[in-house]
C-alpha atoms as a PDB file:
ATOM      1  CA  MET A   1     164.734-228.120  -2.467  1.00  0.00           C
ATOM      2  CA  THR A   2     163.474-224.688  -4.123  1.00  0.00           C
ATOM      3  CA  GLU A   3     159.314-224.551  -4.781  1.00  0.00           C
ATOM      4  CA  ARG A   4     158.934-223.456  -8.086  1.00  0.00           C
ATOM      5  CA  GLU A   5     156.857-220.375  -8.051  1.00  0.00           C
ATOM      6  CA  GLY A   6     153.630-220.700  -9.745  1.00  0.00           C
ATOM      7  CA  PRO A   7     151.349-218.148 -11.401  1.00  0.00           C
ATOM      8  CA  GLN A   8     149.860-214.646  -9.647  1.00  0.00           C
ATOM      9  CA  SER A   9     146.488-215.159  -8.306  1.00  0.00           C
ATOM     10  CA  PRO A  10     143.901-212.951  -9.639  1.00  0.00           C
ATOM     11  CA  ARG A  11     143.631-210.932  -6.365  1.00  0.00           C
ATOM     12  CA  SER A  12     147.408-209.934  -6.259  1.00  0.00           C
ATOM     13  CA  SER A  13     147.128-208.108  -9.875  1.00  0.00           C
ATOM     14  CA  GLY A  14     144.017-206.460  -8.924  1.00  0.00           C
ATOM     15  CA  SER A  15     145.784-204.948  -5.761  1.00  0.00           C
ATOM     16  CA  ALA A  16     148.517-203.454  -8.227  1.00  0.00           C
ATOM     17  CA  ALA A  17     146.336-202.131 -10.527  1.00  0.00           C
ATOM     18  CA  SER A  18     144.198-200.367  -7.853  1.00  0.00           C
ATOM     19  CA  SER A  19     147.504-199.089  -6.044  1.00  0.00           C
ATOM     20  CA  VAL A  20     148.713-197.427  -9.275  1.00  0.00           C
ATOM     21  CA  GLY A  21     145.359-195.680  -9.944  1.00  0.00           C
ATOM     22  CA  SER A  22     145.330-194.187  -6.235  1.00  0.00           C
ATOM     23  CA  GLY A  23     149.049-192.896  -7.077  1.00  0.00           C
ATOM     24  CA  CYS A  24     147.024-191.120 -10.469  1.00  0.00           C
ATOM     25  CA  PHE A  25     144.225-189.355  -8.429  1.00  0.00           C
ATOM     26  CA  PRO A  26     145.446-186.541  -6.750  1.00  0.00           C
ATOM     27  CA  TRP A  27     147.464-185.062  -9.992  1.00  0.00           C
ATOM     28  CA  THR A  28     143.815-185.243 -11.572  1.00  0.00           C
ATOM     29  CA  VAL A  29     141.821-183.746  -9.073  1.00  0.00           C
ATOM     30  CA  LEU A  30     144.141-180.654  -8.180  1.00  0.00           C
ATOM     31  CA  ALA A  31     144.318-179.990 -12.149  1.00  0.00           C
ATOM     32  CA  VAL A  32     139.865-180.035 -12.145  1.00  0.00           C
ATOM     33  CA  VAL A  33     140.594-177.581  -8.383  1.00  0.00           C
ATOM     34  CA  ILE A  34     142.914-175.061 -11.018  1.00  0.00           C
ATOM     35  CA  ALA A  35     140.501-175.133 -14.107  1.00  0.00           C
ATOM     36  CA  LEU A  36     137.465-174.280 -11.443  1.00  0.00           C
ATOM     37  CA  ILE A  37     138.791-171.337  -9.935  1.00  0.00           C
ATOM     38  CA  SER A  38     140.739-170.289 -12.923  1.00  0.00           C
ATOM     39  CA  GLY A  39     136.647-170.259 -14.713  1.00  0.00           C
ATOM     40  CA  LEU A  40     135.388-168.288 -11.464  1.00  0.00           C
ATOM     41  CA  PHE A  41     137.924-166.153 -11.609  1.00  0.00           C
ATOM     42  CA  LEU A  42     137.503-165.044 -15.445  1.00  0.00           C
ATOM     43  CA  PHE A  43     133.185-165.140 -14.730  1.00  0.00           C
ATOM     44  CA  LEU A  44     133.836-162.441 -11.462  1.00  0.00           C
ATOM     45  CA  GLY A  45     135.803-159.954 -13.671  1.00  0.00           C
ATOM     46  CA  ARG A  46     134.023-160.055 -16.951  1.00  0.00           C
ATOM     47  CA  SER A  47     130.354-159.599 -14.234  1.00  0.00           C
ATOM     48  CA  GLU A  48     132.052-156.536 -13.249  1.00  0.00           C
ATOM     49  CA  GLU A  49     131.912-154.464 -16.533  1.00  0.00           C
ATOM     50  CA  PRO A  50     128.932-152.887 -17.423  1.00  0.00           C
ATOM     51  CA  GLY A  51     126.189-153.674 -19.911  1.00  0.00           C
ATOM     52  CA  SER A  52     127.539-157.413 -19.350  1.00  0.00           C
ATOM     53  CA  GLY A  53     123.712-158.029 -18.107  1.00  0.00           C
ATOM     54  CA  ARG A  54     122.499-157.909 -21.710  1.00  0.00           C
ATOM     55  CA  PRO A  55     123.974-160.526 -23.872  1.00  0.00           C
ATOM     56  CA  GLY A  56     126.819-159.231 -25.848  1.00  0.00           C
ATOM     57  CA  GLY A  57     127.084-155.901 -23.402  1.00  0.00           C
ATOM     58  CA  SER A  58     129.782-154.176 -22.693  1.00  0.00           C
ATOM     59  CA  LYS A  59     131.180-150.621 -21.033  1.00  0.00           C
ATOM     60  CA  GLN A  60     130.927-149.267 -25.035  1.00  0.00           C
ATOM     61  CA  GLN A  61     128.213-150.355 -26.144  1.00  0.00           C
ATOM     62  CA  ALA A  62     126.179-148.954 -22.951  1.00  0.00           C
ATOM     63  CA  TYR A  63     127.937-145.589 -23.573  1.00  0.00           C
ATOM     64  CA  VAL A  64     126.844-145.643 -27.084  1.00  0.00           C
ATOM     65  CA  ASP A  65     123.277-146.893 -25.744  1.00  0.00           C
ATOM     66  CA  GLU A  66     123.456-143.597 -23.575  1.00  0.00           C
ATOM     67  CA  ILE A  67     124.486-141.503 -26.322  1.00  0.00           C
ATOM     68  CA  ASP A  68     121.804-142.469 -28.311  1.00  0.00           C
ATOM     69  CA  GLN A  69     119.249-142.110 -25.679  1.00  0.00           C
ATOM     70  CA  ALA A  70     120.151-138.632 -25.511  1.00  0.00           C
ATOM     71  CA  ARG A  71     120.216-137.830 -29.175  1.00  0.00           C
ATOM     72  CA  GLN A  72     116.735-139.281 -29.506  1.00  0.00           C
ATOM     73  CA  GLN A  73     115.084-137.399 -26.797  1.00  0.00           C
ATOM     74  CA  LEU A  74     116.173-133.721 -28.689  1.00  0.00           C
ATOM     75  CA  PHE A  75     113.480-131.772 -29.769  1.00  0.00           C
ATOM     76  CA  LYS A  76     113.232-128.788 -32.071  1.00  0.00           C
ATOM     77  CA  GLY A  77     113.306-125.779 -30.905  1.00  0.00           C
ATOM     78  CA  GLU A  78     113.837-121.822 -32.227  1.00  0.00           C
ATOM     79  CA  LEU A  79     116.966-119.848 -32.572  1.00  0.00           C
ATOM     80  CA  VAL A  80     116.257-115.761 -32.067  1.00  0.00           C
ATOM     81  CA  ARG A  81     118.654-113.620 -33.237  1.00  0.00           C
ATOM     82  CA  THR A  82     119.829-110.126 -33.500  1.00  0.00           C
ATOM     83  CA  SER A  83     118.966-109.165 -37.694  1.00  0.00           C
ATOM     84  CA  THR A  84     121.980-107.449 -38.766  1.00  0.00           C
ATOM     85  CA  LYS A  85     119.570-105.346 -40.643  1.00  0.00           C
ATOM     86  CA  SER A  86     118.932-103.601 -37.403  1.00  0.00           C
ATOM     87  CA  MET A  87     122.451-103.361 -36.126  1.00  0.00           C
ATOM     88  CA  HIS A  88     124.093 -99.912 -36.720  1.00  0.00           C
ATOM     89  CA  LEU A  89     127.836-100.447 -36.993  1.00  0.00           C
ATOM     90  CA  VAL A  90     130.838 -97.366 -36.715  1.00  0.00           C
ATOM     91  CA  ALA A  91     134.225 -97.409 -37.180  1.00  0.00           C
ATOM     92  CA  GLY A  92     135.815 -97.024 -33.901  1.00  0.00           C
ATOM     93  CA  GLY A  93     132.416 -95.898 -32.627  1.00  0.00           C
ATOM     94  CA  ASP A  94     130.161 -97.237 -29.506  1.00  0.00           C
ATOM     95  CA  PRO A  95     129.715-101.393 -28.945  1.00  0.00           C
ATOM     96  CA  ILE A  96     126.331-102.262 -30.498  1.00  0.00           C
ATOM     97  CA  PRO A  97     124.691-105.347 -28.179  1.00  0.00           C
ATOM     98  CA  PHE A  98     123.574-108.772 -30.381  1.00  0.00           C
ATOM     99  CA  ARG A  99     121.549-110.950 -28.822  1.00  0.00           C
ATOM    100  CA  ALA A 100     120.545-114.736 -29.355  1.00  0.00           C
ATOM    101  CA  GLN A 101     117.895-116.849 -27.314  1.00  0.00           C
ATOM    102  CA  ILE A 102     116.832-120.421 -27.519  1.00  0.00           C
ATOM    103  CA  LEU A 103     113.276-121.491 -27.250  1.00  0.00           C
ATOM    104  CA  GLY A 104     112.147-124.727 -26.468  1.00  0.00           C
ATOM    105  CA  SER A 105     109.080-123.870 -29.237  1.00  0.00           C
ATOM    106  CA  TRP A 106     108.323-121.593 -31.608  1.00  0.00           C
ATOM    107  CA  ARG A 107     106.763-118.812 -30.293  1.00  0.00           C
ATOM    108  CA  SER A 108     107.022-115.678 -31.806  1.00  0.00           C
ATOM    109  CA  ASP A 109     107.911-113.425 -34.888  1.00  0.00           C
ATOM    110  CA  GLY A 110     109.573-109.728 -33.304  1.00  0.00           C
ATOM    111  CA  ALA A 111     110.643-106.763 -35.621  1.00  0.00           C
ATOM    112  CA  GLY A 112     114.443-106.542 -35.767  1.00  0.00           C
ATOM    113  CA  GLU A 113     114.781-110.507 -34.997  1.00  0.00           C
ATOM    114  CA  THR A 114     115.915-113.249 -36.877  1.00  0.00           C
ATOM    115  CA  HIS A 115     114.097-116.472 -36.286  1.00  0.00           C
ATOM    116  CA  SER A 116     115.304-120.504 -36.894  1.00  0.00           C
ATOM    117  CA  LYS A 117     114.412-123.580 -36.665  1.00  0.00           C
ATOM    118  CA  THR A 118     117.388-124.720 -33.997  1.00  0.00           C
ATOM    119  CA  SER A 119     117.912-128.397 -31.563  1.00  0.00           C
ATOM    120  CA  ALA A 120     116.880-127.911 -27.871  1.00  0.00           C
ATOM    121  CA  GLY A 121     116.183-130.660 -25.413  1.00  0.00           C
ATOM    122  CA  ALA A 122     119.585-130.618 -23.562  1.00  0.00           C
ATOM    123  CA  GLN A 123     122.295-128.443 -22.492  1.00  0.00           C
ATOM    124  CA  ILE A 124     122.648-126.004 -24.632  1.00  0.00           C
ATOM    125  CA  GLY A 125     126.331-123.872 -26.101  1.00  0.00           C
ATOM    126  CA  VAL A 126     126.062-120.369 -28.619  1.00  0.00           C
ATOM    127  CA  LYS A 127     129.146-119.470 -29.793  1.00  0.00           C
ATOM    128  CA  LEU A 128     129.293-116.006 -31.485  1.00  0.00           C
ATOM    129  CA  HIS A 129     132.061-115.767 -34.157  1.00  0.00           C
ATOM    130  CA  CYS A 130     133.330-112.569 -35.979  1.00  0.00           C
ATOM    131  CA  SER A 131     135.571-112.030 -38.349  1.00  0.00           C
ATOM    132  CA  GLY A 132     136.893-109.041 -41.083  1.00  0.00           C
ATOM    133  CA  ALA A 133     137.219-105.263 -40.363  1.00  0.00           C
ATOM    134  CA  GLN A 134     138.907-105.799 -37.065  1.00  0.00           C
ATOM    135  CA  VAL A 135     135.630-106.817 -35.074  1.00  0.00           C
ATOM    136  CA  ARG A 136     135.655-107.901 -31.670  1.00  0.00           C
ATOM    137  CA  CYS A 137     132.828-109.702 -30.229  1.00  0.00           C
ATOM    138  CA  THR A 138     132.867-110.009 -26.116  1.00  0.00           C
ATOM    139  CA  PRO A 139     130.751-112.320 -24.377  1.00  0.00           C
ATOM    140  CA  LEU A 140     128.765-110.670 -21.936  1.00  0.00           C
ATOM    141  CA  SER A 141     126.987-114.243 -20.876  1.00  0.00           C
ATOM    142  CA  SER A 142     127.622-118.186 -19.979  1.00  0.00           C
ATOM    143  CA  GLU A 143     128.274-119.716 -23.169  1.00  0.00           C
ATOM    144  CA  ARG A 144     126.301-122.927 -22.177  1.00  0.00           C
ATOM    145  CA  GLN A 145     123.278-123.101 -20.452  1.00  0.00           C
ATOM    146  CA  ASN A 146     119.966-125.687 -20.405  1.00  0.00           C
ATOM    147  CA  VAL A 147     116.800-125.704 -22.471  1.00  0.00           C
ATOM    148  CA  ILE A 148     115.321-128.879 -21.501  1.00  0.00           C
ATOM    149  CA  SER A 149     111.987-128.284 -21.631  1.00  0.00           C
ATOM    150  CA  LYS A 150     109.349-127.082 -24.448  1.00  0.00           C
ATOM    151  CA  LYS A 151     109.057-124.048 -21.932  1.00  0.00           C
ATOM    152  CA  ASP A 152     112.749-123.352 -21.091  1.00  0.00           C
ATOM    153  CA  ALA A 153     114.525-120.183 -22.729  1.00  0.00           C
ATOM    154  CA  ALA A 154     118.002-119.227 -22.469  1.00  0.00           C
ATOM    155  CA  THR A 155     119.651-116.073 -23.448  1.00  0.00           C
ATOM    156  CA  TRP A 156     123.316-115.066 -24.865  1.00  0.00           C
ATOM    157  CA  LEU A 157     124.210-111.587 -25.427  1.00  0.00           C
ATOM    158  CA  TRP A 158     127.380-109.876 -27.369  1.00  0.00           C
ATOM    159  CA  ASP A 159     128.829-106.638 -27.501  1.00  0.00           C
ATOM    160  CA  VAL A 160     129.783-105.579 -31.064  1.00  0.00           C
ATOM    161  CA  SER A 161     132.170-103.355 -32.387  1.00  0.00           C
ATOM    162  CA  ALA A 162     134.949-102.757 -35.090  1.00  0.00           C
ATOM    163  CA  GLU A 163     137.955-100.730 -35.904  1.00  0.00           C
ATOM    164  CA  LYS A 164     137.461 -99.846 -39.190  1.00  0.00           C
ATOM    165  CA  ALA A 165     135.229 -99.529 -42.077  1.00  0.00           C
ATOM    166  CA  GLY A 166     134.109-102.401 -43.560  1.00  0.00           C
ATOM    167  CA  THR A 167     132.554-105.655 -43.987  1.00  0.00           C
ATOM    168  CA  VAL A 168     131.938-107.683 -40.796  1.00  0.00           C
ATOM    169  CA  THR A 169     130.681-111.359 -41.242  1.00  0.00           C
ATOM    170  CA  LEU A 170     128.958-112.897 -37.840  1.00  0.00           C
ATOM    171  CA  SER A 171     128.542-116.521 -37.301  1.00  0.00           C
ATOM    172  CA  VAL A 172     126.286-118.196 -34.130  1.00  0.00           C
ATOM    173  CA  THR A 173     126.495-121.582 -34.031  1.00  0.00           C
ATOM    174  CA  VAL A 174     124.322-123.741 -31.321  1.00  0.00           C
ATOM    175  CA  THR A 175     125.370-126.934 -30.029  1.00  0.00           C
ATOM    176  CA  ALA A 176     123.544-129.888 -27.872  1.00  0.00           C
ATOM    177  CA  TYR A 177     125.589-130.787 -25.270  1.00  0.00           C
ATOM    178  CA  TYR A 178     125.152-134.822 -23.345  1.00  0.00           C
ATOM    179  CA  GLN A 179     124.309-133.383 -19.606  1.00  0.00           C
ATOM    180  CA  ASP A 180     127.226-131.301 -18.488  1.00  0.00           C
ATOM    181  CA  SER A 181     130.592-132.756 -20.667  1.00  0.00           C
ATOM    182  CA  ASP A 182     132.104-132.384 -23.619  1.00  0.00           C
ATOM    183  CA  THR A 183     130.195-134.631 -25.612  1.00  0.00           C
ATOM    184  CA  VAL A 184     128.556-133.173 -28.427  1.00  0.00           C
ATOM    185  CA  LEU A 185     124.946-134.593 -28.916  1.00  0.00           C
ATOM    186  CA  LEU A 186     124.335-132.387 -32.323  1.00  0.00           C
ATOM    187  CA  GLU A 187     125.302-129.384 -33.505  1.00  0.00           C
ATOM    188  CA  GLN A 188     123.763-127.207 -35.930  1.00  0.00           C
ATOM    189  CA  PRO A 189     125.499-125.588 -39.037  1.00  0.00           C
ATOM    190  CA  PRO A 190     126.439-121.782 -38.598  1.00  0.00           C
ATOM    191  CA  ALA A 191     123.845-119.256 -39.061  1.00  0.00           C
ATOM    192  CA  THR A 192     125.734-116.547 -40.687  1.00  0.00           C
ATOM    193  CA  ALA A 193     125.311-113.420 -41.518  1.00  0.00           C
ATOM    194  CA  HIS A 194     127.580-109.813 -43.078  1.00  0.00           C
ATOM    195  CA  VAL A 195     127.362-106.095 -41.389  1.00  0.00           C
ATOM    196  CA  GLN A 196     128.169-103.084 -43.005  1.00  0.00           C
ATOM    197  CA  VAL A 197     130.396-101.093 -40.654  1.00  0.00           C
ATOM    198  CA  ALA A 198     130.416 -97.540 -41.787  1.00  0.00           C
ATOM    199  CA  ALA A 199     133.387 -94.460 -41.799  1.00  0.00           C
ATOM    200  CA  PRO A 200     132.671 -92.575 -38.601  1.00  0.00           C
ATOM    201  CA  PRO A 201     131.610 -89.135 -39.140  1.00  0.00           C
ATOM    202  CA  GLY A 202     134.997 -87.593 -38.135  1.00  0.00           C
ATOM    203  CA  ASN A 203     136.178 -87.997 -41.719  1.00  0.00           C
ATOM    204  CA  SER A 204     133.472 -86.054 -44.086  1.00  0.00           C
ATOM    205  CA  PHE A 205     133.404 -82.904 -40.726  1.00  0.00           C
ATOM    206  CA  GLY A 206     137.546 -83.349 -41.057  1.00  0.00           C
ATOM    207  CA  ARG A 207     137.387 -82.369 -45.026  1.00  0.00           C
ATOM    208  CA  ALA A 208     134.509 -79.768 -44.328  1.00  0.00           C
ATOM    209  CA  ALA A 209     136.526 -78.361 -41.152  1.00  0.00           C
ATOM    210  CA  GLN A 210     139.700 -78.208 -42.833  1.00  0.00           C
ATOM    211  CA  ALA A 211     138.010 -76.555 -46.238  1.00  0.00           C
ATOM    212  CA  TRP A 212     137.131 -74.078 -43.905  1.00  0.00           C
ATOM    213  CA  ARG A 213     140.605 -73.488 -42.349  1.00  0.00           C
ATOM    214  CA  TRP A 214     141.327 -73.010 -45.803  1.00  0.00           C
ATOM    215  CA  ILE A 215     138.807 -70.182 -46.403  1.00  0.00           C
ATOM    216  CA  THR A 216     139.509 -68.706 -43.281  1.00  0.00           C
ATOM    217  CA  GLY A 217     142.994 -68.587 -43.982  1.00  0.00           C
ATOM    218  CA  ALA A 218     143.455 -66.727 -47.486  1.00  0.00           C
ATOM    219  CA  VAL A 219     140.256 -64.232 -45.753  1.00  0.00           C
ATOM    220  CA  THR A 220     142.803 -63.901 -43.220  1.00  0.00           C
ATOM    221  CA  SER A 221     145.400 -62.973 -45.747  1.00  0.00           C
ATOM    222  CA  LEU A 222     143.731 -61.337 -48.096  1.00  0.00           C
ATOM    223  CA  GLY A 223     142.396 -58.508 -45.165  1.00  0.00           C
ATOM    224  CA  GLY A 224     145.124 -56.220 -44.948  1.00  0.00           C
ATOM    225  CA  LEU A 225     144.999 -55.993 -48.827  1.00  0.00           C
ATOM    226  CA  ALA A 226     140.571 -55.297 -48.303  1.00  0.00           C
ATOM    227  CA  VAL A 227     141.569 -52.997 -45.738  1.00  0.00           C
ATOM    228  CA  SER A 228     143.800 -50.920 -47.185  1.00  0.00           C
ATOM    229  CA  LEU A 229     141.738 -50.536 -50.571  1.00  0.00           C
ATOM    230  CA  THR A 230     138.935 -49.909 -48.671  1.00  0.00           C
ATOM    231  CA  ALA A 231     140.917 -46.675 -47.105  1.00  0.00           C
ATOM    232  CA  ILE A 232     141.742 -45.870 -50.915  1.00  0.00           C
ATOM    233  CA  VAL A 233     138.500 -45.999 -52.070  1.00  0.00           C
ATOM    234  CA  THR A 234     137.149 -43.853 -49.114  1.00  0.00           C
ATOM    235  CA  LEU A 235     140.294 -41.069 -49.330  1.00  0.00           C
ATOM    236  CA  ALA A 236     139.341 -40.803 -52.941  1.00  0.00           C
ATOM    237  CA  VAL A 237     135.489 -39.972 -52.425  1.00  0.00           C
ATOM    238  CA  LEU A 238     136.851 -37.407 -49.672  1.00  0.00           C
ATOM    239  CA  LEU A 239     138.644 -35.392 -52.137  1.00  0.00           C
ATOM    240  CA  ALA A 240     136.241 -35.625 -55.063  1.00  0.00           C
ATOM    241  CA  ARG A 241     134.005 -34.427 -52.536  1.00  0.00           C
ATOM    242  CA  ARG A 242     136.069 -31.256 -51.597  1.00  0.00           C
ATOM    243  CA  THR A 243     137.391 -30.461 -54.762  1.00  0.00           C
ATOM    244  CA  THR A 244     133.576 -29.817 -56.594  1.00  0.00           C
ATOM    245  CA  PRO A 245     133.372 -25.927 -57.309  1.00  0.00           C
ATOM    246  CA  ALA A 246     130.897 -23.388 -55.393  1.00  0.00           C
ATOM    247  CA  ALA A 247     127.410 -22.182 -56.742  1.00  0.00           C
ATOM    248  CA  ASP A 248     127.636 -18.997 -58.555  1.00  0.00           C
ATOM    249  CA  PRO A 249     127.061 -16.272 -56.247  1.00  0.00           C
ATOM    250  CA  GLU A 250     123.097 -14.333 -57.714  1.00  0.00           C
ATOM    251  CA  PRO A 251     123.369 -10.724 -59.272  1.00  0.00           C
ATOM    252  CA  GLY A 252     122.853  -7.741 -57.128  1.00  0.00           C
ATOM    253  CA  HIS A 253     124.463  -9.468 -54.243  1.00  0.00           C
ATOM    254  CA  ASP A 254     128.409  -9.283 -55.513  1.00  0.00           C
ATOM    255  CA  ASP A 255     129.770  -6.463 -53.294  1.00  0.00           C
ATOM    256  CA  THR A 256     132.922  -6.627 -54.713  1.00  0.00           C
ATOM    257  CA  ASP A 257     132.238  -5.330 -57.806  1.00  0.00           C
ATOM    258  CA  ALA A 258     129.167  -2.465 -56.326  1.00  0.00           C
ATOM    259  CA  ASP A 259     132.283  -1.298 -54.594  1.00  0.00           C
ATOM    260  CA  THR A 260     134.235  -0.973 -57.812  1.00  0.00           C
ATOM    261  CA  ASN A 261     131.675   0.809 -59.678  1.00  0.00           C
ATOM    262  CA  SER A 262     130.059   2.824 -57.552  1.00  0.00           C
ATOM    263  CA  PRO A 263     131.292   6.768 -58.038  1.00  0.00           C
ATOM    264  CA  SER A 264     134.035   8.570 -55.511  1.00  0.00           C
END
């Protein structure tokens, strides 16, 4: 006779529940570990970026801060350049020197020079732009030099020449760079001046020489006629002198008459 199964005891049901829970535990732990590892890699990646130590810091923000700090270190200096009034350019003539100087502070007011304020306190680049009348500006010094302190001074030189007469425009541009890079901290508006290029002296002398050659040529062509006229006048004078009658002899000195009237 088969015995009827009775209701299961609470002990047996608890064992089944624990077995189910133990089966889910490894998957939960694995998910948590993966999440922790991902967060760790993400944190390490961000910590390598410059400026990450500051709230909201980034590489771009660090660059902006560096440029802003470099601009704040700039100060007012002096730009000294050759006055265009002292430049006497002649078309086709010898080059005329042009000088520009950046001083860390305002120092002097020399004759024949133009003075204006400019930026200093960084690596400074100075360019001379020339236009008009077939002008040429040949640099004789480095384009960029350091003017970091108020005691510093830097000089730039060019040779300026023109091939024909007319008006020449000279523009000086001053640029402050960030350290030795091509990043521009500040660029001053160009300082522009105009120079008149004179015509070469050979033009006026050439006209005078041409006129002189015409005059000498005319004299040469008329020289034969002048000589002929002189000879004619000289011959006429000689003939006139020879045809002039001699003076009459004094009375009592005519030998012919005395011989004729004497008695035989």
